[in-house]
Amino acid sequence: MLTARLYMLQRLSALIMVPLVLGHLALMIYAIGGGLTADEILDRTQGSMGWFIYYGLFVLAAAVHGAIGLRSVTTEWFDFFRSPDQRQTVNLLMASFFFALFIPGILAVYFVTRS
């Protein structure tokens, strides 16, 4: 049952990331094409709750998607995660991986968007 829920959560995170990635790429092309410098971009993002929500959701979706994907690959490649203790170990490792992605990502978003 856990595997089915994780499968659906990973697909949901992918659905969330697709428009965010496309939007991010479009914004970067626009900013670079418009001649904006990094300082000018930061001036526009600082103090913006909208950018915090946009990129915060992006970071959350990417961390969820990455951790679940790595869990799937790990359990497929290393077929020895069969006992409940071994599955619990891999789940804890992947939860740690999620936080290793999420915490620096959300901190970066915070520092780029804080006023």
Protein backbone atom coordinates (compact mmCIF):
# COMPACT_ATOMS: atom_id res chain seq x y z
CA MET A 1 0.00 0.00 0.00
CA LEU A 2 2.85 2.38 0.80
CA THR A 3 4.39 1.76 -2.63
CA ALA A 4 1.13 2.69 -4.39
CA ARG A 5 0.81 5.90 -2.38
CA LEU A 6 4.42 6.83 -3.08
CA TYR A 7 3.87 6.10 -6.77
CA MET A 8 0.90 8.46 -6.86
CA LEU A 9 2.75 11.11 -4.82
CA GLN A 10 5.68 11.00 -7.22
CA ARG A 11 3.35 11.41 -10.20
CA LEU A 12 1.61 14.31 -8.46
CA SER A 13 4.96 15.98 -7.76
CA ALA A 14 5.86 15.57 -11.45
CA LEU A 15 2.56 17.20 -12.47
CA ILE A 16 3.33 20.11 -10.16
CA MET A 17 6.90 20.46 -11.41
CA VAL A 18 6.13 20.53 -15.15
CA PRO A 19 4.53 24.01 -15.22
CA LEU A 20 7.00 25.28 -12.63
CA VAL A 21 10.00 24.14 -14.70
CA LEU A 22 8.53 25.59 -17.88
CA GLY A 23 7.76 28.86 -16.09
CA HIS A 24 11.25 28.99 -14.61
CA LEU A 25 12.87 28.40 -18.00
CA ALA A 26 10.66 31.04 -19.63
CA LEU A 27 11.50 33.54 -16.89
CA MET A 28 15.23 32.88 -17.20
CA ILE A 29 15.13 33.28 -20.99
CA TYR A 30 13.13 36.50 -20.60
CA ALA A 31 15.46 37.87 -17.91
CA ILE A 32 18.65 37.08 -19.79
CA GLY A 33 17.19 38.26 -23.11
CA GLY A 34 16.08 41.48 -21.45
CA GLY A 35 19.60 42.11 -20.21
CA LEU A 36 18.76 41.85 -16.50
CA THR A 37 21.70 41.36 -14.18
CA ALA A 38 21.70 39.07 -11.17
CA ASP A 39 21.41 42.11 -8.91
CA GLU A 40 18.38 43.37 -10.81
CA ILE A 41 16.73 39.96 -10.62
CA LEU A 42 17.35 39.79 -6.87
CA ASP A 43 15.92 43.29 -6.45
CA ARG A 44 12.71 42.08 -8.10
CA THR A 45 12.41 38.91 -6.00
CA GLN A 46 13.20 40.36 -2.58
CA GLY A 47 10.16 40.86 -0.41
CA SER A 48 7.92 38.93 -2.80
CA MET A 49 5.60 36.38 -1.22
CA GLY A 50 4.59 35.26 -4.73
CA TRP A 51 8.13 34.25 -5.65
CA PHE A 52 8.56 32.56 -2.28
CA ILE A 53 5.43 30.46 -2.86
CA TYR A 54 6.38 29.70 -6.48
CA TYR A 55 9.92 28.56 -5.76
CA GLY A 56 9.02 27.07 -2.38
CA LEU A 57 6.50 24.81 -4.09
CA PHE A 58 9.12 24.03 -6.72
CA VAL A 59 11.65 22.99 -4.05
CA LEU A 60 9.06 20.89 -2.19
CA ALA A 61 7.94 19.09 -5.34
CA ALA A 62 11.52 18.45 -6.46
CA ALA A 63 12.57 17.10 -3.06
CA VAL A 64 9.53 14.79 -2.87
CA HIS A 65 10.01 13.62 -6.45
CA GLY A 66 13.74 13.01 -6.03
CA ALA A 67 13.49 11.16 -2.73
CA ILE A 68 10.72 8.85 -3.94
CA GLY A 69 12.53 8.20 -7.21
CA LEU A 70 15.78 7.36 -5.41
CA ARG A 71 13.85 5.06 -3.06
CA SER A 72 12.37 3.23 -6.04
CA VAL A 73 15.71 2.84 -7.78
CA THR A 74 17.42 1.75 -4.57
CA THR A 75 14.87 -0.94 -3.80
CA GLU A 76 14.99 -2.21 -7.41
CA TRP A 77 18.76 -2.31 -7.69
CA PHE A 78 19.35 -3.72 -4.24
CA ASP A 79 16.82 -6.50 -4.09
CA PHE A 80 17.86 -7.36 -0.54
CA PHE A 81 15.51 -4.79 1.07
CA ARG A 82 12.92 -7.44 1.77
CA SER A 83 12.64 -7.63 5.54
CA PRO A 84 10.64 -4.96 7.40
CA ASP A 85 13.80 -3.73 9.13
CA GLN A 86 15.60 -3.30 5.83
CA ARG A 87 12.64 -1.50 4.29
CA GLN A 88 12.47 0.77 7.33
CA THR A 89 16.17 1.54 6.90
CA VAL A 90 15.76 2.51 3.26
CA ASN A 91 12.70 4.61 4.15
CA LEU A 92 14.69 6.48 6.79
CA LEU A 93 17.56 7.02 4.36
CA MET A 94 15.20 8.42 1.76
CA ALA A 95 13.51 10.65 4.33
CA SER A 96 16.99 11.95 5.16
CA PHE A 97 17.62 12.50 1.45
CA PHE A 98 14.35 14.45 1.21
CA PHE A 99 15.46 16.77 4.01
CA ALA A 100 18.96 17.05 2.50
CA LEU A 101 17.29 18.42 -0.64
CA PHE A 102 14.47 20.40 0.94
CA ILE A 103 16.28 22.30 3.70
CA PRO A 104 19.02 23.92 1.57
CA GLY A 105 16.49 24.55 -1.21
CA ILE A 106 13.95 26.30 0.99
CA LEU A 107 16.73 28.28 2.68
CA ALA A 108 17.93 29.46 -0.73
CA VAL A 109 14.37 30.49 -1.63
CA TYR A 110 14.02 32.29 1.70
CA PHE A 111 17.25 34.26 1.27
CA VAL A 112 16.45 35.20 -2.33
CA THR A 113 12.94 36.41 -1.48
CA ARG A 114 13.33 37.91 1.98
CA SER A 115 13.05 41.65 2.28
